[in-house]
C-alpha atoms as a PDB file:
ATOM      1  CA  MET A   1      22.186 -27.374 -23.248  1.00  0.00           C
ATOM      2  CA  ILE A   2      21.493 -24.099 -21.474  1.00  0.00           C
ATOM      3  CA  LYS A   3      21.611 -24.594 -17.732  1.00  0.00           C
ATOM      4  CA  ALA A   4      20.656 -22.096 -15.018  1.00  0.00           C
ATOM      5  CA  GLN A   5      21.691 -22.992 -11.482  1.00  0.00           C
ATOM      6  CA  ARG A   6      20.294 -21.068  -8.505  1.00  0.00           C
ATOM      7  CA  LEU A   7      20.067 -17.967 -10.708  1.00  0.00           C
ATOM      8  CA  THR A   8      19.173 -14.841  -8.756  1.00  0.00           C
ATOM      9  CA  CYS A   9      18.931 -11.264 -10.036  1.00  0.00           C
ATOM     10  CA  ARG A  10      18.140  -7.884  -8.473  1.00  0.00           C
ATOM     11  CA  TYR A  11      17.919  -4.582 -10.321  1.00  0.00           C
ATOM     12  CA  ASP A  12      17.909  -2.735  -7.007  1.00  0.00           C
ATOM     13  CA  ALA A  13      20.392  -3.920  -4.388  1.00  0.00           C
ATOM     14  CA  LYS A  14      17.881  -3.160  -1.635  1.00  0.00           C
ATOM     15  CA  GLY A  15      14.821  -4.406  -3.489  1.00  0.00           C
ATOM     16  CA  ALA A  16      13.224  -7.795  -3.848  1.00  0.00           C
ATOM     17  CA  PRO A  17      14.911 -10.145  -6.329  1.00  0.00           C
ATOM     18  CA  VAL A  18      13.491 -10.228  -9.863  1.00  0.00           C
ATOM     19  CA  LEU A  19      14.676 -13.830 -10.167  1.00  0.00           C
ATOM     20  CA  GLN A  20      14.869 -16.059  -7.124  1.00  0.00           C
ATOM     21  CA  GLY A  21      17.023 -19.174  -7.257  1.00  0.00           C
ATOM     22  CA  ILE A  22      16.017 -20.350 -10.747  1.00  0.00           C
ATOM     23  CA  ASP A  23      17.052 -23.887 -11.679  1.00  0.00           C
ATOM     24  CA  LEU A  24      16.357 -24.718 -15.322  1.00  0.00           C
ATOM     25  CA  GLU A  25      17.816 -26.880 -18.085  1.00  0.00           C
ATOM     26  CA  ILE A  26      16.988 -26.421 -21.785  1.00  0.00           C
ATOM     27  CA  ALA A  27      18.108 -29.183 -24.108  1.00  0.00           C
ATOM     28  CA  GLU A  28      19.304 -28.516 -27.635  1.00  0.00           C
ATOM     29  CA  GLY A  29      16.438 -28.963 -30.090  1.00  0.00           C
ATOM     30  CA  GLN A  30      13.735 -28.316 -27.503  1.00  0.00           C
ATOM     31  CA  TYR A  31      10.839 -25.870 -27.958  1.00  0.00           C
ATOM     32  CA  LEU A  32      10.364 -24.213 -24.574  1.00  0.00           C
ATOM     33  CA  ALA A  33       7.605 -21.682 -23.923  1.00  0.00           C
ATOM     34  CA  VAL A  34       7.960 -19.261 -21.005  1.00  0.00           C
ATOM     35  CA  ILE A  35       4.745 -17.682 -19.751  1.00  0.00           C
ATOM     36  CA  GLY A  36       3.681 -15.650 -16.746  1.00  0.00           C
ATOM     37  CA  PRO A  37       2.109 -12.347 -15.692  1.00  0.00           C
ATOM     38  CA  ASN A  38       3.774  -8.995 -16.320  1.00  0.00           C
ATOM     39  CA  GLY A  39       6.728  -8.403 -14.038  1.00  0.00           C
ATOM     40  CA  CYS A  40       7.292 -12.066 -13.199  1.00  0.00           C
ATOM     41  CA  GLY A  41      10.866 -12.119 -14.570  1.00  0.00           C
ATOM     42  CA  LYS A  42      10.428 -13.737 -18.011  1.00  0.00           C
ATOM     43  CA  THR A  43      12.479 -11.218 -19.984  1.00  0.00           C
ATOM     44  CA  THR A  44      15.088 -10.934 -17.258  1.00  0.00           C
ATOM     45  CA  LEU A  45      15.511 -14.706 -17.311  1.00  0.00           C
ATOM     46  CA  VAL A  46      16.031 -15.027 -21.061  1.00  0.00           C
ATOM     47  CA  LYS A  47      18.489 -12.105 -21.164  1.00  0.00           C
ATOM     48  CA  HIS A  48      20.770 -14.276 -19.041  1.00  0.00           C
ATOM     49  CA  PHE A  49      20.866 -16.937 -21.746  1.00  0.00           C
ATOM     50  CA  ASN A  50      23.070 -14.920 -24.099  1.00  0.00           C
ATOM     51  CA  ALA A  51      24.936 -12.929 -21.447  1.00  0.00           C
ATOM     52  CA  LEU A  52      23.081  -9.646 -21.909  1.00  0.00           C
ATOM     53  CA  LEU A  53      22.750 -10.030 -18.152  1.00  0.00           C
ATOM     54  CA  VAL A  54      25.154 -12.052 -16.030  1.00  0.00           C
ATOM     55  CA  PRO A  55      24.199 -13.761 -12.766  1.00  0.00           C
ATOM     56  CA  GLN A  56      24.584 -11.814  -9.557  1.00  0.00           C
ATOM     57  CA  GLU A  57      24.135 -15.110  -7.752  1.00  0.00           C
ATOM     58  CA  GLY A  58      24.183 -18.593  -9.207  1.00  0.00           C
ATOM     59  CA  LYS A  59      25.361 -19.591 -12.666  1.00  0.00           C
ATOM     60  CA  VAL A  60      24.262 -19.878 -16.296  1.00  0.00           C
ATOM     61  CA  LEU A  61      26.063 -22.261 -18.632  1.00  0.00           C
ATOM     62  CA  VAL A  62      25.578 -22.417 -22.414  1.00  0.00           C
ATOM     63  CA  ASP A  63      26.989 -25.671 -23.772  1.00  0.00           C
ATOM     64  CA  GLY A  64      29.381 -25.560 -20.841  1.00  0.00           C
ATOM     65  CA  LEU A  65      30.410 -21.915 -21.367  1.00  0.00           C
ATOM     66  CA  ASP A  66      29.996 -19.756 -18.254  1.00  0.00           C
ATOM     67  CA  THR A  67      28.188 -16.467 -18.960  1.00  0.00           C
ATOM     68  CA  LYS A  68      30.232 -14.838 -16.178  1.00  0.00           C
ATOM     69  CA  ASP A  69      33.367 -15.260 -18.307  1.00  0.00           C
ATOM     70  CA  PRO A  70      33.699 -12.205 -20.595  1.00  0.00           C
ATOM     71  CA  LYS A  71      35.958 -14.187 -22.924  1.00  0.00           C
ATOM     72  CA  ALA A  72      33.068 -16.580 -23.614  1.00  0.00           C
ATOM     73  CA  HIS A  73      30.501 -13.909 -24.474  1.00  0.00           C
ATOM     74  CA  ARG A  74      31.227 -13.782 -28.210  1.00  0.00           C
ATOM     75  CA  GLU A  75      30.755 -17.515 -28.615  1.00  0.00           C
ATOM     76  CA  ILE A  76      27.715 -17.574 -26.309  1.00  0.00           C
ATOM     77  CA  ARG A  77      26.036 -14.847 -28.380  1.00  0.00           C
ATOM     78  CA  ARG A  78      26.793 -16.728 -31.558  1.00  0.00           C
ATOM     79  CA  ARG A  79      25.136 -19.836 -30.145  1.00  0.00           C
ATOM     80  CA  VAL A  80      22.168 -18.051 -28.530  1.00  0.00           C
ATOM     81  CA  GLY A  81      20.383 -15.552 -30.782  1.00  0.00           C
ATOM     82  CA  MET A  82      17.988 -13.047 -29.239  1.00  0.00           C
ATOM     83  CA  VAL A  83      14.935 -11.528 -30.951  1.00  0.00           C
ATOM     84  CA  PHE A  84      13.684  -8.618 -28.862  1.00  0.00           C
ATOM     85  CA  GLN A  85      10.074  -7.590 -28.355  1.00  0.00           C
ATOM     86  CA  ASN A  86      10.666  -4.390 -30.345  1.00  0.00           C
ATOM     87  CA  PRO A  87      12.593  -5.233 -33.544  1.00  0.00           C
ATOM     88  CA  ASP A  88      13.586  -1.575 -33.985  1.00  0.00           C
ATOM     89  CA  ASN A  89      15.939  -2.088 -31.034  1.00  0.00           C
ATOM     90  CA  GLN A  90      18.121  -4.499 -33.012  1.00  0.00           C
ATOM     91  CA  ILE A  91      17.870  -3.360 -36.634  1.00  0.00           C
ATOM     92  CA  VAL A  92      20.966  -1.311 -37.504  1.00  0.00           C
ATOM     93  CA  GLY A  93      21.428  -1.553 -41.284  1.00  0.00           C
ATOM     94  CA  MET A  94      20.386   0.914 -43.990  1.00  0.00           C
ATOM     95  CA  SER A  95      18.884  -1.982 -45.969  1.00  0.00           C
ATOM     96  CA  VAL A  96      17.489  -5.363 -44.998  1.00  0.00           C
ATOM     97  CA  GLU A  97      20.423  -7.325 -46.433  1.00  0.00           C
ATOM     98  CA  GLU A  98      22.925  -4.944 -44.821  1.00  0.00           C
ATOM     99  CA  ASP A  99      21.244  -5.425 -41.463  1.00  0.00           C
ATOM    100  CA  ILE A 100      21.294  -9.219 -41.729  1.00  0.00           C
ATOM    101  CA  ALA A 101      24.959  -9.111 -42.753  1.00  0.00           C
ATOM    102  CA  PHE A 102      25.918  -7.117 -39.648  1.00  0.00           C
ATOM    103  CA  GLY A 103      26.236 -10.082 -37.286  1.00  0.00           C
ATOM    104  CA  PRO A 104      28.173 -12.427 -39.604  1.00  0.00           C
ATOM    105  CA  GLY A 105      30.392  -9.489 -40.559  1.00  0.00           C
ATOM    106  CA  ASN A 106      31.515  -9.232 -36.952  1.00  0.00           C
ATOM    107  CA  LEU A 107      32.632 -12.865 -37.021  1.00  0.00           C
ATOM    108  CA  GLY A 108      35.405 -12.076 -39.498  1.00  0.00           C
ATOM    109  CA  LEU A 109      33.917 -14.194 -42.273  1.00  0.00           C
ATOM    110  CA  SER A 110      34.721 -13.752 -45.947  1.00  0.00           C
ATOM    111  CA  SER A 111      32.451 -11.612 -48.117  1.00  0.00           C
ATOM    112  CA  ALA A 112      31.299 -14.709 -50.016  1.00  0.00           C
ATOM    113  CA  GLU A 113      30.393 -16.506 -46.775  1.00  0.00           C
ATOM    114  CA  ILE A 114      28.503 -13.462 -45.488  1.00  0.00           C
ATOM    115  CA  ARG A 115      26.533 -13.126 -48.739  1.00  0.00           C
ATOM    116  CA  GLY A 116      25.695 -16.817 -48.607  1.00  0.00           C
ATOM    117  CA  ARG A 117      24.463 -16.592 -45.028  1.00  0.00           C
ATOM    118  CA  VAL A 118      22.360 -13.516 -45.802  1.00  0.00           C
ATOM    119  CA  GLY A 119      20.724 -15.271 -48.757  1.00  0.00           C
ATOM    120  CA  VAL A 120      19.957 -18.397 -46.755  1.00  0.00           C
ATOM    121  CA  ALA A 121      18.502 -16.368 -43.865  1.00  0.00           C
ATOM    122  CA  LEU A 122      16.341 -14.247 -46.178  1.00  0.00           C
ATOM    123  CA  GLU A 123      14.988 -17.358 -47.851  1.00  0.00           C
ATOM    124  CA  ALA A 124      14.425 -19.143 -44.536  1.00  0.00           C
ATOM    125  CA  VAL A 125      11.995 -16.461 -43.356  1.00  0.00           C
ATOM    126  CA  GLY A 126      10.516 -15.794 -46.804  1.00  0.00           C
ATOM    127  CA  ILE A 127      11.648 -12.187 -47.338  1.00  0.00           C
ATOM    128  CA  LEU A 128      14.060 -12.390 -50.283  1.00  0.00           C
ATOM    129  CA  ARG A 129      11.958  -9.769 -52.047  1.00  0.00           C
ATOM    130  CA  LEU A 130      12.703  -7.296 -49.243  1.00  0.00           C
ATOM    131  CA  ALA A 131      16.500  -7.556 -49.452  1.00  0.00           C
ATOM    132  CA  ARG A 132      17.045  -4.041 -50.853  1.00  0.00           C
ATOM    133  CA  ARG A 133      14.294  -2.344 -48.831  1.00  0.00           C
ATOM    134  CA  ALA A 134      15.032   0.152 -46.063  1.00  0.00           C
ATOM    135  CA  PRO A 135      13.998  -1.353 -42.699  1.00  0.00           C
ATOM    136  CA  HIS A 136      12.050   1.762 -41.697  1.00  0.00           C
ATOM    137  CA  SER A 137       9.704   1.210 -44.651  1.00  0.00           C
ATOM    138  CA  LEU A 138       8.637  -2.255 -43.501  1.00  0.00           C
ATOM    139  CA  SER A 139       5.560  -3.331 -41.571  1.00  0.00           C
ATOM    140  CA  GLY A 140       5.822  -4.554 -37.997  1.00  0.00           C
ATOM    141  CA  GLY A 141       5.590  -8.187 -39.078  1.00  0.00           C
ATOM    142  CA  GLU A 142       8.243  -7.724 -41.749  1.00  0.00           C
ATOM    143  CA  LYS A 143      10.579  -6.111 -39.221  1.00  0.00           C
ATOM    144  CA  ARG A 144      10.134  -9.122 -36.922  1.00  0.00           C
ATOM    145  CA  LEU A 145      11.110 -11.408 -39.801  1.00  0.00           C
ATOM    146  CA  VAL A 146      14.185  -9.264 -40.532  1.00  0.00           C
ATOM    147  CA  ALA A 147      15.206  -9.513 -36.869  1.00  0.00           C
ATOM    148  CA  ILE A 148      14.792 -13.297 -36.954  1.00  0.00           C
ATOM    149  CA  ALA A 149      16.768 -13.515 -40.212  1.00  0.00           C
ATOM    150  CA  GLY A 150      19.579 -11.481 -38.650  1.00  0.00           C
ATOM    151  CA  VAL A 151      19.753 -13.999 -35.805  1.00  0.00           C
ATOM    152  CA  LEU A 152      19.628 -17.000 -38.158  1.00  0.00           C
ATOM    153  CA  ALA A 153      22.555 -15.635 -40.170  1.00  0.00           C
ATOM    154  CA  MET A 154      24.689 -16.231 -37.070  1.00  0.00           C
ATOM    155  CA  ARG A 155      23.877 -19.976 -37.285  1.00  0.00           C
ATOM    156  CA  PRO A 156      22.692 -20.247 -33.659  1.00  0.00           C
ATOM    157  CA  ALA A 157      21.854 -23.440 -31.804  1.00  0.00           C
ATOM    158  CA  TYR A 158      19.246 -21.591 -29.715  1.00  0.00           C
ATOM    159  CA  VAL A 159      16.859 -18.769 -30.633  1.00  0.00           C
ATOM    160  CA  VAL A 160      15.235 -16.717 -27.867  1.00  0.00           C
ATOM    161  CA  LEU A 161      12.129 -14.744 -28.870  1.00  0.00           C
ATOM    162  CA  ASP A 162      10.570 -12.236 -26.497  1.00  0.00           C
ATOM    163  CA  GLU A 163       6.900 -11.687 -27.413  1.00  0.00           C
ATOM    164  CA  PRO A 164       7.620 -12.069 -31.163  1.00  0.00           C
ATOM    165  CA  THR A 165       3.977 -11.650 -32.233  1.00  0.00           C
ATOM    166  CA  SER A 166       2.934  -8.759 -30.005  1.00  0.00           C
ATOM    167  CA  TYR A 167       1.182  -5.893 -31.811  1.00  0.00           C
ATOM    168  CA  LEU A 168       1.027  -7.848 -35.092  1.00  0.00           C
ATOM    169  CA  ASP A 169      -2.091  -8.308 -37.207  1.00  0.00           C
ATOM    170  CA  PRO A 170      -3.278 -11.917 -37.760  1.00  0.00           C
ATOM    171  CA  ALA A 171      -1.365 -12.266 -41.048  1.00  0.00           C
ATOM    172  CA  GLY A 172       1.908 -11.037 -39.534  1.00  0.00           C
ATOM    173  CA  ARG A 173       1.429 -13.232 -36.492  1.00  0.00           C
ATOM    174  CA  GLU A 174       0.902 -16.320 -38.632  1.00  0.00           C
ATOM    175  CA  ARG A 175       4.004 -15.583 -40.712  1.00  0.00           C
ATOM    176  CA  VAL A 176       6.172 -15.361 -37.603  1.00  0.00           C
ATOM    177  CA  LEU A 177       4.689 -18.559 -36.130  1.00  0.00           C
ATOM    178  CA  ASN A 178       5.271 -20.389 -39.422  1.00  0.00           C
ATOM    179  CA  VAL A 179       8.950 -19.427 -39.236  1.00  0.00           C
ATOM    180  CA  LEU A 180       9.135 -20.815 -35.695  1.00  0.00           C
ATOM    181  CA  ARG A 181       7.654 -24.093 -36.918  1.00  0.00           C
ATOM    182  CA  ASP A 182      10.292 -24.271 -39.661  1.00  0.00           C
ATOM    183  CA  LEU A 183      13.097 -23.593 -37.172  1.00  0.00           C
ATOM    184  CA  ARG A 184      11.805 -26.370 -34.989  1.00  0.00           C
ATOM    185  CA  GLN A 185      11.891 -28.777 -37.933  1.00  0.00           C
ATOM    186  CA  GLU A 186      15.558 -27.849 -38.437  1.00  0.00           C
ATOM    187  CA  GLY A 187      16.377 -28.834 -34.853  1.00  0.00           C
ATOM    188  CA  ILE A 188      17.039 -25.320 -33.561  1.00  0.00           C
ATOM    189  CA  SER A 189      16.116 -24.810 -29.923  1.00  0.00           C
ATOM    190  CA  ILE A 190      13.369 -22.235 -29.406  1.00  0.00           C
ATOM    191  CA  ILE A 191      12.788 -20.302 -26.195  1.00  0.00           C
ATOM    192  CA  HIS A 192       9.509 -18.441 -26.743  1.00  0.00           C
ATOM    193  CA  VAL A 193       8.344 -15.824 -24.234  1.00  0.00           C
ATOM    194  CA  THR A 194       4.680 -15.010 -24.764  1.00  0.00           C
ATOM    195  CA  HIS A 195       1.361 -13.999 -23.230  1.00  0.00           C
ATOM    196  CA  SER A 196      -0.597 -15.872 -25.902  1.00  0.00           C
ATOM    197  CA  MET A 197      -1.414 -19.367 -24.712  1.00  0.00           C
ATOM    198  CA  ASP A 198      -2.844 -20.320 -28.110  1.00  0.00           C
ATOM    199  CA  GLU A 199       0.584 -19.918 -29.746  1.00  0.00           C
ATOM    200  CA  ILE A 200       2.362 -22.529 -27.669  1.00  0.00           C
ATOM    201  CA  ALA A 201       0.043 -25.526 -27.593  1.00  0.00           C
ATOM    202  CA  ASP A 202       2.582 -27.505 -29.652  1.00  0.00           C
ATOM    203  CA  ALA A 203       5.618 -26.581 -27.522  1.00  0.00           C
ATOM    204  CA  ASP A 204       7.618 -29.438 -26.025  1.00  0.00           C
ATOM    205  CA  ARG A 205       7.523 -27.816 -22.626  1.00  0.00           C
ATOM    206  CA  VAL A 206       5.938 -24.861 -20.831  1.00  0.00           C
ATOM    207  CA  VAL A 207       7.489 -23.010 -17.898  1.00  0.00           C
ATOM    208  CA  VAL A 208       5.098 -20.850 -15.880  1.00  0.00           C
ATOM    209  CA  MET A 209       6.785 -18.058 -13.930  1.00  0.00           C
ATOM    210  CA  ASN A 210       5.420 -15.980 -11.085  1.00  0.00           C
ATOM    211  CA  GLY A 211       7.123 -13.654  -8.623  1.00  0.00           C
ATOM    212  CA  GLY A 212      10.594 -14.375  -9.966  1.00  0.00           C
ATOM    213  CA  GLY A 213      10.321 -18.144  -9.609  1.00  0.00           C
ATOM    214  CA  ILE A 214       9.094 -21.151 -11.575  1.00  0.00           C
ATOM    215  CA  LEU A 215       5.538 -22.078 -10.650  1.00  0.00           C
ATOM    216  CA  ARG A 216       5.003 -24.948 -13.113  1.00  0.00           C
ATOM    217  CA  ASP A 217       7.231 -26.806 -15.577  1.00  0.00           C
ATOM    218  CA  GLY A 218       5.880 -29.528 -17.822  1.00  0.00           C
ATOM    219  CA  ALA A 219       4.242 -30.564 -21.064  1.00  0.00           C
ATOM    220  CA  PRO A 220       1.518 -28.191 -22.322  1.00  0.00           C
ATOM    221  CA  ARG A 221      -1.235 -30.757 -21.656  1.00  0.00           C
ATOM    222  CA  ASP A 222      -0.174 -31.087 -18.048  1.00  0.00           C
ATOM    223  CA  VAL A 223       0.272 -27.355 -17.450  1.00  0.00           C
ATOM    224  CA  PHE A 224      -2.933 -26.203 -19.142  1.00  0.00           C
ATOM    225  CA  ARG A 225      -5.037 -28.945 -17.542  1.00  0.00           C
ATOM    226  CA  ASP A 226      -4.807 -27.039 -14.247  1.00  0.00           C
ATOM    227  CA  ALA A 227      -6.708 -23.952 -15.391  1.00  0.00           C
ATOM    228  CA  ASP A 228      -7.371 -22.815 -11.813  1.00  0.00           C
ATOM    229  CA  ALA A 229      -3.631 -22.561 -11.074  1.00  0.00           C
ATOM    230  CA  LEU A 230      -3.161 -20.422 -14.198  1.00  0.00           C
ATOM    231  CA  ARG A 231      -6.054 -18.140 -13.320  1.00  0.00           C
ATOM    232  CA  ALA A 232      -4.589 -17.632  -9.857  1.00  0.00           C
ATOM    233  CA  VAL A 233      -1.605 -15.831 -11.448  1.00  0.00           C
ATOM    234  CA  GLY A 234      -3.635 -13.956 -14.042  1.00  0.00           C
ATOM    235  CA  LEU A 235      -3.239 -16.378 -16.949  1.00  0.00           C
ATOM    236  CA  ALA A 236      -5.713 -18.401 -18.972  1.00  0.00           C
ATOM    237  CA  ALA A 237      -5.459 -21.700 -20.799  1.00  0.00           C
ATOM    238  CA  PRO A 238      -5.810 -21.733 -24.603  1.00  0.00           C
ATOM    239  CA  GLN A 239      -9.338 -20.826 -25.694  1.00  0.00           C
ATOM    240  CA  VAL A 240     -10.156 -24.331 -26.861  1.00  0.00           C
ATOM    241  CA  THR A 241      -8.999 -25.753 -23.509  1.00  0.00           C
ATOM    242  CA  GLU A 242     -11.186 -23.226 -21.706  1.00  0.00           C
ATOM    243  CA  LEU A 243     -14.121 -24.376 -23.859  1.00  0.00           C
ATOM    244  CA  MET A 244     -13.549 -27.997 -22.856  1.00  0.00           C
ATOM    245  CA  GLY A 245     -13.394 -26.924 -19.227  1.00  0.00           C
ATOM    246  CA  ARG A 246     -16.789 -25.219 -19.490  1.00  0.00           C
ATOM    247  CA  LEU A 247     -18.285 -28.312 -21.106  1.00  0.00           C
ATOM    248  CA  ARG A 248     -16.917 -30.468 -18.297  1.00  0.00           C
ATOM    249  CA  ALA A 249     -18.417 -28.059 -15.758  1.00  0.00           C
ATOM    250  CA  GLN A 250     -21.791 -28.724 -17.415  1.00  0.00           C
ATOM    251  CA  GLY A 251     -21.326 -32.466 -16.907  1.00  0.00           C
ATOM    252  CA  CYS A 252     -20.099 -33.309 -20.413  1.00  0.00           C
ATOM    253  CA  GLY A 253     -17.588 -36.123 -20.584  1.00  0.00           C
ATOM    254  CA  VAL A 254     -14.811 -34.462 -22.592  1.00  0.00           C
ATOM    255  CA  ARG A 255     -11.089 -34.521 -21.933  1.00  0.00           C
ATOM    256  CA  PRO A 256      -9.639 -31.624 -19.897  1.00  0.00           C
ATOM    257  CA  ASP A 257      -6.335 -31.492 -21.812  1.00  0.00           C
ATOM    258  CA  VAL A 258      -7.539 -30.656 -25.333  1.00  0.00           C
ATOM    259  CA  LEU A 259      -5.196 -28.139 -26.981  1.00  0.00           C
ATOM    260  CA  SER A 260      -6.242 -27.881 -30.632  1.00  0.00           C
ATOM    261  CA  VAL A 261      -9.404 -27.234 -32.618  1.00  0.00           C
ATOM    262  CA  ASP A 262      -9.063 -30.631 -34.312  1.00  0.00           C
ATOM    263  CA  GLU A 263      -8.954 -32.385 -30.934  1.00  0.00           C
ATOM    264  CA  ALA A 264     -11.937 -30.378 -29.743  1.00  0.00           C
ATOM    265  CA  PHE A 265     -13.885 -31.324 -32.861  1.00  0.00           C
ATOM    266  CA  ARG A 266     -13.242 -35.015 -32.238  1.00  0.00           C
ATOM    267  CA  GLU A 267     -14.214 -34.731 -28.565  1.00  0.00           C
ATOM    268  CA  ILE A 268     -17.457 -32.876 -29.320  1.00  0.00           C
ATOM    269  CA  ALA A 269     -18.329 -35.230 -32.180  1.00  0.00           C
ATOM    270  CA  ALA A 270     -17.811 -38.201 -29.856  1.00  0.00           C
ATOM    271  CA  LEU A 271     -19.921 -36.477 -27.182  1.00  0.00           C
ATOM    272  CA  LEU A 272     -22.771 -35.906 -29.641  1.00  0.00           C
ATOM    273  CA  GLY A 273     -22.485 -39.479 -30.825  1.00  0.00           C
ATOM    274  CA  ARG A 274     -22.803 -40.771 -27.272  1.00  0.00           C
ATOM    275  CA  ALA A 275     -25.787 -38.495 -26.659  1.00  0.00           C
ATOM    276  CA  ALA A 276     -27.513 -39.740 -29.813  1.00  0.00           C
ATOM    277  CA  GLY A 277     -26.950 -43.308 -28.643  1.00  0.00           C
ATOM    278  CA  GLY A 278     -28.341 -42.641 -25.180  1.00  0.00           C
ATOM    279  CA  GLY A 279     -24.981 -42.271 -23.418  1.00  0.00           C
ATOM    280  CA  ARG A 280     -23.383 -39.158 -21.853  1.00  0.00           C
END
């Protein structure tokens, strides 16, 4: 697992800490969503998971490897892949397949092994047809998929994604989310930083950050049920959960923890059925 213990970080030695005593454990195979307002420390936190940042105070362990140990960084970064918010910041190859081969090539693998990994990664994210394309000619969504494929070629146990669907059109967003669902089915841990509550309704766990600390940590149903606490830090529950909340405010007997359209349909159908039968 990834384990943060009393993790504290300051960018300015005289300023307030960006992270304040974070304690967090992320089990292998878990889908963890990290949400919170701008400036709350989300990106700073996840950069500690693959030793892009090292703790100024406290400790971060990745499968027992201490991120403060420079000798462990290569293995930590193999185990924890990072997909940045702007994919242009991590695409380095002249072609898509060359870019995906960059990481495995640094592991000292044979040419045959590298080619095999590139092929598997391209197929995993559905972009085999783009293998010979120049990255600069791709759409934003395609670049995100290339960045994810480059991480997958390293065979990580954990994949960290920082706002992977930001600035994408609906089709590109859905393609990226479909890849995340596939990774989850393969047992890869996902740490998903996002502002979109509707993307993470099926996460195993949601961590809400505010002011450099953890405000809430629990299952999505439990976290999103308390809509007032989310609004207090500038967040909103998924749209369908907000709808159920408005119905409840009007006296309708629907559940407060509905997270999907299908669940909402069943709740509203049951409500209408009760009304037709004289109930509430």
